[in-house]
Full PDB file with SEQRES, HELIX, SHEET, SSBOND, CRYST1, ORIGX, SCALE, CONECT and MASTER records, all heavy atoms in Angstrom:
SEQRES   1 A   33  PRO PHE HIS ASP ALA ASN TRP GLN LEU VAL ARG TYR LYS          
SEQRES   2 A   33  GLY ASN ASP LYS ALA PHE LEU TRP THR TYR GLU ARG ASN          
SEQRES   3 A   33  GLY PHE MET ASN LEU ASN VAL                                  
SHEET    1 AA1 3 GLN A   8  TYR A  12  0                                        
SHEET    2 AA1 3 LYS A  17  ARG A  25 -1                                        
SHEET    3 AA1 3 PHE A  28  ASN A  32 -1                                        
CRYST1    1.000    1.000    1.000  90.00  90.00  90.00 P 1           1          
ORIGX1      1.000000  0.000000  0.000000        0.00000                         
ORIGX2      0.000000  1.000000  0.000000        0.00000                         
ORIGX3      0.000000  0.000000  1.000000        0.00000                         
SCALE1      1.000000  0.000000  0.000000        0.00000                         
SCALE2      0.000000  1.000000  0.000000        0.00000                         
SCALE3      0.000000  0.000000  1.000000        0.00000                         
ATOM      1  N   PRO A   1       0.786  -1.226  -0.015  1.00  0.00           N  
ATOM      2  CA  PRO A   1      -0.007  -0.009   0.020  1.00  0.00           C  
ATOM      3  C   PRO A   1       0.804   1.266  -0.005  1.00  0.00           C  
ATOM      4  O   PRO A   1       0.253   2.343  -0.282  1.00  0.00           O  
ATOM      5  CB  PRO A   1      -0.802  -0.128   1.303  1.00  0.00           C  
ATOM      6  CG  PRO A   1       0.076  -0.932   2.225  1.00  0.00           C  
ATOM      7  CD  PRO A   1       0.746  -1.934   1.314  1.00  0.00           C  
ATOM      8  N   PHE A   2       2.088   1.200   0.314  1.00  0.00           N  
ATOM      9  CA  PHE A   2       2.877   2.441   0.455  1.00  0.00           C  
ATOM     10  C   PHE A   2       3.698   2.788  -0.767  1.00  0.00           C  
ATOM     11  O   PHE A   2       4.536   3.673  -0.735  1.00  0.00           O  
ATOM     12  CB  PHE A   2       3.786   2.315   1.677  1.00  0.00           C  
ATOM     13  CG  PHE A   2       3.071   1.911   2.921  1.00  0.00           C  
ATOM     14  CD1 PHE A   2       3.490   0.841   3.687  1.00  0.00           C  
ATOM     15  CD2 PHE A   2       1.933   2.607   3.336  1.00  0.00           C  
ATOM     16  CE1 PHE A   2       2.814   0.441   4.841  1.00  0.00           C  
ATOM     17  CE2 PHE A   2       1.273   2.231   4.484  1.00  0.00           C  
ATOM     18  CZ  PHE A   2       1.684   1.142   5.231  1.00  0.00           C  
ATOM     19  N   HIS A   3       3.518   2.055  -1.894  1.00  0.00           N  
ATOM     20  CA  HIS A   3       4.319   2.233  -3.100  1.00  0.00           C  
ATOM     21  C   HIS A   3       5.793   2.146  -2.778  1.00  0.00           C  
ATOM     22  O   HIS A   3       6.635   2.891  -3.336  1.00  0.00           O  
ATOM     23  CB  HIS A   3       3.961   3.589  -3.768  1.00  0.00           C  
ATOM     24  CG  HIS A   3       2.520   3.750  -4.041  1.00  0.00           C  
ATOM     25  ND1 HIS A   3       1.860   3.040  -5.013  1.00  0.00           N  
ATOM     26  CD2 HIS A   3       1.584   4.555  -3.414  1.00  0.00           C  
ATOM     27  CE1 HIS A   3       0.596   3.407  -5.030  1.00  0.00           C  
ATOM     28  NE2 HIS A   3       0.384   4.278  -4.086  1.00  0.00           N  
ATOM     29  N   ASP A   4       6.113   1.255  -1.842  1.00  0.00           N  
ATOM     30  CA  ASP A   4       7.493   1.029  -1.406  1.00  0.00           C  
ATOM     31  C   ASP A   4       7.695  -0.489  -1.353  1.00  0.00           C  
ATOM     32  O   ASP A   4       7.044  -1.190  -0.553  1.00  0.00           O  
ATOM     33  CB  ASP A   4       7.705   1.656  -0.045  1.00  0.00           C  
ATOM     34  CG  ASP A   4       9.129   1.454   0.507  1.00  0.00           C  
ATOM     35  OD1 ASP A   4       9.888   0.661  -0.107  1.00  0.00           O  
ATOM     36  OD2 ASP A   4       9.447   2.070   1.512  1.00  0.00           O  
ATOM     37  N   ALA A   5       8.524  -1.000  -2.232  1.00  0.00           N  
ATOM     38  CA  ALA A   5       8.692  -2.453  -2.313  1.00  0.00           C  
ATOM     39  C   ALA A   5       9.190  -3.073  -1.037  1.00  0.00           C  
ATOM     40  O   ALA A   5       9.081  -4.299  -0.832  1.00  0.00           O  
ATOM     41  CB  ALA A   5       9.685  -2.771  -3.457  1.00  0.00           C  
ATOM     42  N   ASN A   6       9.746  -2.260  -0.136  1.00  0.00           N  
ATOM     43  CA  ASN A   6      10.240  -2.816   1.139  1.00  0.00           C  
ATOM     44  C   ASN A   6       9.092  -3.216   2.037  1.00  0.00           C  
ATOM     45  O   ASN A   6       9.300  -4.002   2.976  1.00  0.00           O  
ATOM     46  CB  ASN A   6      11.143  -1.779   1.836  1.00  0.00           C  
ATOM     47  CG  ASN A   6      11.828  -2.370   3.099  1.00  0.00           C  
ATOM     48  OD1 ASN A   6      12.236  -3.546   3.091  1.00  0.00           O  
ATOM     49  ND2 ASN A   6      11.882  -1.587   4.147  1.00  0.00           N  
ATOM     50  N   TRP A   7       7.921  -2.669   1.835  1.00  0.00           N  
ATOM     51  CA  TRP A   7       6.781  -2.988   2.711  1.00  0.00           C  
ATOM     52  C   TRP A   7       5.772  -3.840   1.916  1.00  0.00           C  
ATOM     53  O   TRP A   7       5.070  -3.344   1.030  1.00  0.00           O  
ATOM     54  CB  TRP A   7       6.110  -1.721   3.202  1.00  0.00           C  
ATOM     55  CG  TRP A   7       6.937  -0.973   4.231  1.00  0.00           C  
ATOM     56  CD1 TRP A   7       7.951  -0.089   3.964  1.00  0.00           C  
ATOM     57  CD2 TRP A   7       6.823  -1.080   5.617  1.00  0.00           C  
ATOM     58  NE1 TRP A   7       8.484   0.377   5.145  1.00  0.00           N  
ATOM     59  CE2 TRP A   7       7.815  -0.247   6.190  1.00  0.00           C  
ATOM     60  CE3 TRP A   7       6.026  -1.849   6.481  1.00  0.00           C  
ATOM     61  CZ2 TRP A   7       8.004  -0.124   7.567  1.00  0.00           C  
ATOM     62  CZ3 TRP A   7       6.221  -1.721   7.868  1.00  0.00           C  
ATOM     63  CH2 TRP A   7       7.184  -0.878   8.379  1.00  0.00           C  
ATOM     64  N   GLN A   8       5.694  -5.117   2.299  1.00  0.00           N  
ATOM     65  CA  GLN A   8       4.774  -6.056   1.673  1.00  0.00           C  
ATOM     66  C   GLN A   8       3.890  -6.605   2.777  1.00  0.00           C  
ATOM     67  O   GLN A   8       4.377  -7.124   3.806  1.00  0.00           O  
ATOM     68  CB  GLN A   8       5.528  -7.186   0.973  1.00  0.00           C  
ATOM     69  CG  GLN A   8       6.446  -6.748  -0.155  1.00  0.00           C  
ATOM     70  CD  GLN A   8       5.674  -6.252  -1.363  1.00  0.00           C  
ATOM     71  OE1 GLN A   8       4.591  -6.767  -1.665  1.00  0.00           O  
ATOM     72  NE2 GLN A   8       6.218  -5.275  -2.078  1.00  0.00           N  
ATOM     73  N   LEU A   9       2.579  -6.553   2.597  1.00  0.00           N  
ATOM     74  CA  LEU A   9       1.617  -6.945   3.619  1.00  0.00           C  
ATOM     75  C   LEU A   9       0.783  -8.116   3.124  1.00  0.00           C  
ATOM     76  O   LEU A   9       0.635  -8.326   1.922  1.00  0.00           O  
ATOM     77  CB  LEU A   9       0.693  -5.802   3.948  1.00  0.00           C  
ATOM     78  CG  LEU A   9       1.174  -4.620   4.840  1.00  0.00           C  
ATOM     79  CD1 LEU A   9       2.377  -3.952   4.240  1.00  0.00           C  
ATOM     80  CD2 LEU A   9       0.056  -3.641   5.049  1.00  0.00           C  
ATOM     81  N   VAL A  10       0.203  -8.853   4.060  1.00  0.00           N  
ATOM     82  CA  VAL A  10      -0.837  -9.841   3.731  1.00  0.00           C  
ATOM     83  C   VAL A  10      -2.073  -9.467   4.514  1.00  0.00           C  
ATOM     84  O   VAL A  10      -2.030  -9.261   5.746  1.00  0.00           O  
ATOM     85  CB  VAL A  10      -0.391 -11.280   4.074  1.00  0.00           C  
ATOM     86  CG1 VAL A  10      -1.508 -12.270   3.720  1.00  0.00           C  
ATOM     87  CG2 VAL A  10       0.885 -11.662   3.328  1.00  0.00           C  
ATOM     88  N   ARG A  11      -3.179  -9.356   3.792  1.00  0.00           N  
ATOM     89  CA  ARG A  11      -4.436  -8.901   4.386  1.00  0.00           C  
ATOM     90  C   ARG A  11      -5.471 -10.032   4.350  1.00  0.00           C  
ATOM     91  O   ARG A  11      -5.405 -10.955   3.547  1.00  0.00           O  
ATOM     92  CB  ARG A  11      -5.006  -7.708   3.638  1.00  0.00           C  
ATOM     93  CG  ARG A  11      -4.127  -6.465   3.665  1.00  0.00           C  
ATOM     94  CD  ARG A  11      -4.795  -5.299   2.931  1.00  0.00           C  
ATOM     95  NE  ARG A  11      -3.972  -4.117   2.848  1.00  0.00           N  
ATOM     96  CZ  ARG A  11      -3.858  -3.165   3.792  1.00  0.00           C  
ATOM     97  NH1 ARG A  11      -4.592  -3.300   4.899  1.00  0.00           N  
ATOM     98  NH2 ARG A  11      -3.076  -2.124   3.614  1.00  0.00           N  
ATOM     99  N   TYR A  12      -6.493  -9.879   5.225  1.00  0.00           N  
ATOM    100  CA  TYR A  12      -7.645 -10.765   5.237  1.00  0.00           C  
ATOM    101  C   TYR A  12      -8.763 -10.111   4.433  1.00  0.00           C  
ATOM    102  O   TYR A  12      -9.143  -8.970   4.669  1.00  0.00           O  
ATOM    103  CB  TYR A  12      -8.107 -11.012   6.684  1.00  0.00           C  
ATOM    104  CG  TYR A  12      -9.410 -11.760   6.801  1.00  0.00           C  
ATOM    105  CD1 TYR A  12      -9.507 -13.063   6.329  1.00  0.00           C  
ATOM    106  CD2 TYR A  12     -10.515 -11.154   7.404  1.00  0.00           C  
ATOM    107  CE1 TYR A  12     -10.718 -13.752   6.413  1.00  0.00           C  
ATOM    108  CE2 TYR A  12     -11.732 -11.838   7.500  1.00  0.00           C  
ATOM    109  CZ  TYR A  12     -11.805 -13.118   7.016  1.00  0.00           C  
ATOM    110  OH  TYR A  12     -13.007 -13.806   7.116  1.00  0.00           O  
ATOM    111  N   LYS A  13      -9.304 -10.836   3.439  1.00  0.00           N  
ATOM    112  CA  LYS A  13     -10.305 -10.276   2.522  1.00  0.00           C  
ATOM    113  C   LYS A  13     -11.603  -9.859   3.230  1.00  0.00           C  
ATOM    114  O   LYS A  13     -12.293  -8.946   2.770  1.00  0.00           O  
ATOM    115  CB  LYS A  13     -10.665 -11.288   1.434  1.00  0.00           C  
ATOM    116  CG  LYS A  13      -9.544 -11.560   0.443  1.00  0.00           C  
ATOM    117  CD  LYS A  13      -9.976 -12.582  -0.585  1.00  0.00           C  
ATOM    118  CE  LYS A  13      -8.854 -12.882  -1.576  1.00  0.00           C  
ATOM    119  NZ  LYS A  13      -9.251 -13.904  -2.572  1.00  0.00           N  
ATOM    120  N   GLY A  14     -11.925 -10.516   4.355  1.00  0.00           N  
ATOM    121  CA  GLY A  14     -13.171 -10.203   5.028  1.00  0.00           C  
ATOM    122  C   GLY A  14     -13.297  -8.782   5.525  1.00  0.00           C  
ATOM    123  O   GLY A  14     -14.406  -8.212   5.571  1.00  0.00           O  
ATOM    124  N   ASN A  15     -12.175  -8.179   5.883  1.00  0.00           N  
ATOM    125  CA  ASN A  15     -12.209  -6.797   6.363  1.00  0.00           C  
ATOM    126  C   ASN A  15     -11.051  -5.945   5.829  1.00  0.00           C  
ATOM    127  O   ASN A  15     -10.894  -4.781   6.218  1.00  0.00           O  
ATOM    128  CB  ASN A  15     -12.193  -6.757   7.904  1.00  0.00           C  
ATOM    129  CG  ASN A  15     -11.073  -7.589   8.484  1.00  0.00           C  
ATOM    130  OD1 ASN A  15     -10.027  -7.793   7.866  1.00  0.00           O  
ATOM    131  ND2 ASN A  15     -11.261  -8.063   9.713  1.00  0.00           N  
ATOM    132  N   ASP A  16     -10.229  -6.549   4.970  1.00  0.00           N  
ATOM    133  CA  ASP A  16      -9.099  -5.855   4.358  1.00  0.00           C  
ATOM    134  C   ASP A  16      -8.010  -5.424   5.348  1.00  0.00           C  
ATOM    135  O   ASP A  16      -7.165  -4.567   5.053  1.00  0.00           O  
ATOM    136  CB  ASP A  16      -9.543  -4.634   3.532  1.00  0.00           C  
ATOM    137  CG  ASP A  16     -10.329  -5.062   2.288  1.00  0.00           C  
ATOM    138  OD1 ASP A  16      -9.962  -6.059   1.699  1.00  0.00           O  
ATOM    139  OD2 ASP A  16     -11.337  -4.356   1.990  1.00  0.00           O  
ATOM    140  N   LYS A  17      -8.018  -6.004   6.524  1.00  0.00           N  
ATOM    141  CA  LYS A  17      -7.006  -5.675   7.529  1.00  0.00           C  
ATOM    142  C   LYS A  17      -5.757  -6.534   7.350  1.00  0.00           C  
ATOM    143  O   LYS A  17      -5.886  -7.700   7.011  1.00  0.00           O  
ATOM    144  CB  LYS A  17      -7.577  -5.838   8.948  1.00  0.00           C  
ATOM    145  CG  LYS A  17      -8.629  -4.832   9.315  1.00  0.00           C  
ATOM    146  CD  LYS A  17      -9.106  -5.026  10.761  1.00  0.00           C  
ATOM    147  CE  LYS A  17     -10.157  -4.009  11.142  1.00  0.00           C  
ATOM    148  NZ  LYS A  17     -10.622  -4.204  12.532  1.00  0.00           N  
ATOM    149  N   ALA A  18      -4.590  -5.961   7.611  1.00  0.00           N  
ATOM    150  CA  ALA A  18      -3.357  -6.697   7.463  1.00  0.00           C  
ATOM    151  C   ALA A  18      -3.043  -7.419   8.746  1.00  0.00           C  
ATOM    152  O   ALA A  18      -3.158  -6.864   9.856  1.00  0.00           O  
ATOM    153  CB  ALA A  18      -2.229  -5.730   7.143  1.00  0.00           C  
ATOM    154  N   PHE A  19      -2.624  -8.691   8.621  1.00  0.00           N  
ATOM    155  CA  PHE A  19      -2.217  -9.442   9.775  1.00  0.00           C  
ATOM    156  C   PHE A  19      -0.730  -9.771   9.736  1.00  0.00           C  
ATOM    157  O   PHE A  19      -0.169 -10.258  10.750  1.00  0.00           O  
ATOM    158  CB  PHE A  19      -3.029 -10.761   9.953  1.00  0.00           C  
ATOM    159  CG  PHE A  19      -2.850 -11.759   8.848  1.00  0.00           C  
ATOM    160  CD1 PHE A  19      -1.907 -12.789   8.984  1.00  0.00           C  
ATOM    161  CD2 PHE A  19      -3.599 -11.691   7.679  1.00  0.00           C  
ATOM    162  CE1 PHE A  19      -1.716 -13.711   7.953  1.00  0.00           C  
ATOM    163  CE2 PHE A  19      -3.410 -12.618   6.672  1.00  0.00           C  
ATOM    164  CZ  PHE A  19      -2.477 -13.625   6.794  1.00  0.00           C  
ATOM    165  N   LEU A  20      -0.085  -9.493   8.632  1.00  0.00           N  
ATOM    166  CA  LEU A  20       1.360  -9.657   8.520  1.00  0.00           C  
ATOM    167  C   LEU A  20       1.961  -8.503   7.699  1.00  0.00           C  
ATOM    168  O   LEU A  20       1.485  -8.175   6.614  1.00  0.00           O  
ATOM    169  CB  LEU A  20       1.692 -10.978   7.795  1.00  0.00           C  
ATOM    170  CG  LEU A  20       3.174 -11.221   7.513  1.00  0.00           C  
ATOM    171  CD1 LEU A  20       3.929 -11.447   8.836  1.00  0.00           C  
ATOM    172  CD2 LEU A  20       3.403 -12.381   6.612  1.00  0.00           C  
ATOM    173  N   TRP A  21       2.943  -7.831   8.332  1.00  0.00           N  
ATOM    174  CA  TRP A  21       3.698  -6.774   7.668  1.00  0.00           C  
ATOM    175  C   TRP A  21       5.128  -7.272   7.521  1.00  0.00           C  
ATOM    176  O   TRP A  21       5.729  -7.768   8.492  1.00  0.00           O  
ATOM    177  CB  TRP A  21       3.716  -5.488   8.529  1.00  0.00           C  
ATOM    178  CG  TRP A  21       2.362  -4.935   8.855  1.00  0.00           C  
ATOM    179  CD1 TRP A  21       1.370  -5.529   9.575  1.00  0.00           C  
ATOM    180  CD2 TRP A  21       1.887  -3.655   8.505  1.00  0.00           C  
ATOM    181  NE1 TRP A  21       0.288  -4.690   9.667  1.00  0.00           N  
ATOM    182  CE2 TRP A  21       0.567  -3.541   9.021  1.00  0.00           C  
ATOM    183  CE3 TRP A  21       2.434  -2.574   7.785  1.00  0.00           C  
ATOM    184  CZ2 TRP A  21      -0.183  -2.366   8.859  1.00  0.00           C  
ATOM    185  CZ3 TRP A  21       1.674  -1.418   7.617  1.00  0.00           C  
ATOM    186  CH2 TRP A  21       0.375  -1.319   8.144  1.00  0.00           C  
ATOM    187  N   THR A  22       5.706  -7.170   6.344  1.00  0.00           N  
ATOM    188  CA  THR A  22       7.114  -7.577   6.157  1.00  0.00           C  
ATOM    189  C   THR A  22       7.926  -6.404   5.605  1.00  0.00           C  
ATOM    190  O   THR A  22       7.466  -5.632   4.759  1.00  0.00           O  
ATOM    191  CB  THR A  22       7.200  -8.770   5.140  1.00  0.00           C  
ATOM    192  OG1 THR A  22       6.921  -8.289   3.836  1.00  0.00           O  
ATOM    193  CG2 THR A  22       6.218  -9.875   5.514  1.00  0.00           C  
ATOM    194  N   TYR A  23       9.141  -6.264   6.154  1.00  0.00           N  
ATOM    195  CA  TYR A  23      10.022  -5.156   5.705  1.00  0.00           C  
ATOM    196  C   TYR A  23      11.419  -5.467   6.202  1.00  0.00           C  
ATOM    197  O   TYR A  23      11.627  -6.138   7.226  1.00  0.00           O  
ATOM    198  CB  TYR A  23       9.540  -3.814   6.294  1.00  0.00           C  
ATOM    199  CG  TYR A  23       9.408  -3.841   7.798  1.00  0.00           C  
ATOM    200  CD1 TYR A  23      10.433  -3.400   8.634  1.00  0.00           C  
ATOM    201  CD2 TYR A  23       8.223  -4.324   8.402  1.00  0.00           C  
ATOM    202  CE1 TYR A  23      10.275  -3.422  10.027  1.00  0.00           C  
ATOM    203  CE2 TYR A  23       8.081  -4.359   9.766  1.00  0.00           C  
ATOM    204  CZ  TYR A  23       9.096  -3.906  10.583  1.00  0.00           C  
ATOM    205  OH  TYR A  23       8.974  -3.958  11.936  1.00  0.00           O  
ATOM    206  N   GLU A  24      12.399  -4.973   5.478  1.00  0.00           N  
ATOM    207  CA  GLU A  24      13.818  -5.156   5.884  1.00  0.00           C  
ATOM    208  C   GLU A  24      14.233  -3.942   6.698  1.00  0.00           C  
ATOM    209  O   GLU A  24      13.983  -2.787   6.355  1.00  0.00           O  
ATOM    210  CB  GLU A  24      14.709  -5.290   4.662  1.00  0.00           C  
ATOM    211  CG  GLU A  24      16.133  -5.656   5.024  1.00  0.00           C  
ATOM    212  CD  GLU A  24      17.011  -5.943   3.815  1.00  0.00           C  
ATOM    213  OE1 GLU A  24      16.441  -6.087   2.689  1.00  0.00           O  
ATOM    214  OE2 GLU A  24      18.241  -6.033   3.976  1.00  0.00           O  
ATOM    215  N   ARG A  25      14.934  -4.218   7.816  1.00  0.00           N  
ATOM    216  CA  ARG A  25      15.412  -3.151   8.695  1.00  0.00           C  
ATOM    217  C   ARG A  25      16.668  -3.617   9.410  1.00  0.00           C  
ATOM    218  O   ARG A  25      16.703  -4.728   9.909  1.00  0.00           O  
ATOM    219  CB  ARG A  25      14.328  -2.777   9.688  1.00  0.00           C  
ATOM    220  CG  ARG A  25      14.672  -1.639  10.660  1.00  0.00           C  
ATOM    221  CD  ARG A  25      13.442  -1.203  11.428  1.00  0.00           C  
ATOM    222  NE  ARG A  25      13.756  -0.131  12.392  1.00  0.00           N  
ATOM    223  CZ  ARG A  25      13.923  -0.356  13.690  1.00  0.00           C  
ATOM    224  NH1 ARG A  25      13.774  -1.580  14.215  1.00  0.00           N  
ATOM    225  NH2 ARG A  25      14.247   0.631  14.525  1.00  0.00           N  
ATOM    226  N   ASN A  26      17.669  -2.799   9.421  1.00  0.00           N  
ATOM    227  CA  ASN A  26      18.929  -3.104  10.122  1.00  0.00           C  
ATOM    228  C   ASN A  26      19.540  -4.439   9.672  1.00  0.00           C  
ATOM    229  O   ASN A  26      20.127  -5.186  10.483  1.00  0.00           O  
ATOM    230  CB  ASN A  26      18.732  -3.123  11.631  1.00  0.00           C  
ATOM    231  CG  ASN A  26      18.304  -1.767  12.190  1.00  0.00           C  
ATOM    232  OD1 ASN A  26      18.661  -0.742  11.655  1.00  0.00           O  
ATOM    233  ND2 ASN A  26      17.524  -1.796  13.274  1.00  0.00           N  
ATOM    234  N   GLY A  27      19.389  -4.717   8.391  1.00  0.00           N  
ATOM    235  CA  GLY A  27      20.041  -5.918   7.822  1.00  0.00           C  
ATOM    236  C   GLY A  27      19.269  -7.208   7.970  1.00  0.00           C  
ATOM    237  O   GLY A  27      19.731  -8.250   7.545  1.00  0.00           O  
ATOM    238  N   PHE A  28      18.086  -7.159   8.628  1.00  0.00           N  
ATOM    239  CA  PHE A  28      17.273  -8.355   8.783  1.00  0.00           C  
ATOM    240  C   PHE A  28      15.847  -8.135   8.270  1.00  0.00           C  
ATOM    241  O   PHE A  28      15.328  -7.006   8.319  1.00  0.00           O  
ATOM    242  CB  PHE A  28      17.198  -8.787  10.258  1.00  0.00           C  
ATOM    243  CG  PHE A  28      18.494  -9.242  10.852  1.00  0.00           C  
ATOM    244  CD1 PHE A  28      19.226  -8.426  11.710  1.00  0.00           C  
ATOM    245  CD2 PHE A  28      18.977 -10.538  10.583  1.00  0.00           C  
ATOM    246  CE1 PHE A  28      20.410  -8.862  12.245  1.00  0.00           C  
ATOM    247  CE2 PHE A  28      20.163 -10.967  11.103  1.00  0.00           C  
ATOM    248  CZ  PHE A  28      20.874 -10.159  11.944  1.00  0.00           C  
ATOM    249  N   MET A  29      15.229  -9.215   7.823  1.00  0.00           N  
ATOM    250  CA  MET A  29      13.816  -9.181   7.509  1.00  0.00           C  
ATOM    251  C   MET A  29      13.023  -9.135   8.814  1.00  0.00           C  
ATOM    252  O   MET A  29      13.312  -9.851   9.743  1.00  0.00           O  
ATOM    253  CB  MET A  29      13.427 -10.375   6.657  1.00  0.00           C  
ATOM    254  CG  MET A  29      11.961 -10.324   6.148  1.00  0.00           C  
ATOM    255  SD  MET A  29      11.574  -8.813   5.218  1.00  0.00           S  
ATOM    256  CE  MET A  29      12.841  -8.864   3.934  1.00  0.00           C  
ATOM    257  N   ASN A  30      12.056  -8.224   8.863  1.00  0.00           N  
ATOM    258  CA  ASN A  30      11.224  -8.085  10.068  1.00  0.00           C  
ATOM    259  C   ASN A  30       9.766  -8.407   9.692  1.00  0.00           C  
ATOM    260  O   ASN A  30       9.281  -8.098   8.596  1.00  0.00           O  
ATOM    261  CB  ASN A  30      11.262  -6.670  10.593  1.00  0.00           C  
ATOM    262  CG  ASN A  30      12.536  -6.343  11.339  1.00  0.00           C  
ATOM    263  OD1 ASN A  30      12.535  -5.738  12.397  1.00  0.00           O  
ATOM    264  ND2 ASN A  30      13.693  -6.770  10.809  1.00  0.00           N  
ATOM    265  N   LEU A  31       9.057  -8.992  10.659  1.00  0.00           N  
ATOM    266  CA  LEU A  31       7.618  -9.271  10.507  1.00  0.00           C  
ATOM    267  C   LEU A  31       6.885  -8.574  11.632  1.00  0.00           C  
ATOM    268  O   LEU A  31       7.241  -8.730  12.810  1.00  0.00           O  
ATOM    269  CB  LEU A  31       7.303 -10.753  10.564  1.00  0.00           C  
ATOM    270  CG  LEU A  31       8.205 -11.713   9.740  1.00  0.00           C  
ATOM    271  CD1 LEU A  31       7.778 -13.174  10.006  1.00  0.00           C  
ATOM    272  CD2 LEU A  31       8.144 -11.376   8.270  1.00  0.00           C  
ATOM    273  N   ASN A  32       5.829  -7.850  11.336  1.00  0.00           N  
ATOM    274  CA  ASN A  32       4.919  -7.332  12.353  1.00  0.00           C  
ATOM    275  C   ASN A  32       3.689  -8.198  12.382  1.00  0.00           C  
ATOM    276  O   ASN A  32       3.051  -8.420  11.352  1.00  0.00           O  
ATOM    277  CB  ASN A  32       4.542  -5.890  12.081  1.00  0.00           C  
ATOM    278  CG  ASN A  32       5.636  -4.909  12.487  1.00  0.00           C  
ATOM    279  OD1 ASN A  32       6.774  -5.305  12.769  1.00  0.00           O  
ATOM    280  ND2 ASN A  32       5.294  -3.619  12.529  1.00  0.00           N  
ATOM    281  N   VAL A  33       3.314  -8.658  13.581  1.00  0.00           N  
ATOM    282  CA  VAL A  33       2.161  -9.524  13.744  1.00  0.00           C  
ATOM    283  C   VAL A  33       1.333  -9.017  14.965  1.00  0.00           C  
ATOM    284  O   VAL A  33       1.922  -8.523  15.935  1.00  0.00           O  
ATOM    285  CB  VAL A  33       2.557 -11.013  13.965  1.00  0.00           C  
ATOM    286  CG1 VAL A  33       3.166 -11.574  12.694  1.00  0.00           C  
ATOM    287  CG2 VAL A  33       3.488 -11.174  15.167  1.00  0.00           C  
TER     288      VAL A  33                                                      
MASTER        0    0    0    0    3    0    0    6  287    1    0    3          
END                                                                             
């Protein structure tokens, strides 16, 4: 959604809310849950 390839999300179709955020930071892949 941010027009930034570093931020890739997975959403639930029922409400369009994201339950997984993925992005690289400080040399590691990070997941927000």
